[in-house]
Amino acid sequence: MLDFIVPFLVYAIAFAAGSVAAFAVARRRYPATSEEEALAQLEAAAAPDGALR
């Protein structure tokens, strides 16, 4: 029984640690913006001339 539980726990802990690390990297690389800023970017991208701000 321990032949299954120990590796499973190791993989589960490694998955959790990897997920936390990936989340931390993503938060640093792509900082959160306000809703208004995000909507302004969408409106600018949908402009008829296609020009972005």
Protein backbone atom coordinates (compact mmCIF):
# COMPACT_ATOMS: atom_id res chain seq x y z
CA MET A 1 0.00 0.00 0.00
CA LEU A 2 2.86 2.39 0.78
CA ASP A 3 4.26 1.64 -2.66
CA PHE A 4 1.34 3.64 -4.03
CA ILE A 5 0.75 6.32 -1.40
CA VAL A 6 4.31 7.67 -1.04
CA PRO A 7 4.92 8.32 -4.77
CA PHE A 8 1.40 9.73 -5.10
CA LEU A 9 2.02 12.19 -2.27
CA VAL A 10 5.41 13.16 -3.72
CA TYR A 11 3.86 13.85 -7.13
CA ALA A 12 0.94 15.74 -5.57
CA ILE A 13 3.31 17.96 -3.57
CA ALA A 14 5.51 18.52 -6.63
CA PHE A 15 2.45 19.45 -8.69
CA ALA A 16 1.29 21.92 -6.05
CA ALA A 17 4.75 23.48 -5.76
CA GLY A 18 5.03 23.77 -9.54
CA SER A 19 1.61 25.34 -9.79
CA VAL A 20 2.47 27.92 -7.14
CA ALA A 21 5.76 28.71 -8.87
CA ALA A 22 4.05 29.10 -12.26
CA PHE A 23 1.40 31.35 -10.73
CA ALA A 24 4.06 33.52 -9.08
CA VAL A 25 5.98 33.87 -12.35
CA ALA A 26 2.81 34.72 -14.26
CA ARG A 27 1.84 37.37 -11.70
CA ARG A 28 5.27 39.00 -12.03
CA ARG A 29 5.34 38.90 -15.84
CA TYR A 30 1.73 39.97 -16.40
CA PRO A 31 0.67 42.42 -13.69
CA ALA A 32 -3.01 42.93 -13.13
CA THR A 33 -4.65 45.91 -14.75
CA SER A 34 -7.84 47.66 -13.85
CA GLU A 35 -11.07 46.82 -15.61
CA GLU A 36 -11.19 50.28 -17.18
CA GLU A 37 -7.68 49.90 -18.58
CA ALA A 38 -8.51 46.50 -20.05
CA LEU A 39 -11.69 47.82 -21.68
CA ALA A 40 -9.80 50.80 -23.11
CA GLN A 41 -7.30 48.42 -24.72
CA LEU A 42 -10.14 46.37 -26.21
CA GLU A 43 -11.83 49.47 -27.62
CA ALA A 44 -8.54 50.68 -29.10
CA ALA A 45 -7.95 47.32 -30.76
CA ALA A 46 -11.44 47.39 -32.25
CA ALA A 47 -10.97 50.88 -33.73
CA PRO A 48 -11.84 51.08 -37.44
CA ASP A 49 -8.34 52.16 -38.41
CA GLY A 50 -6.82 49.36 -36.32
CA ALA A 51 -4.44 51.73 -34.54
CA LEU A 52 -3.50 50.92 -31.00
CA ARG A 53 -2.79 53.54 -28.38
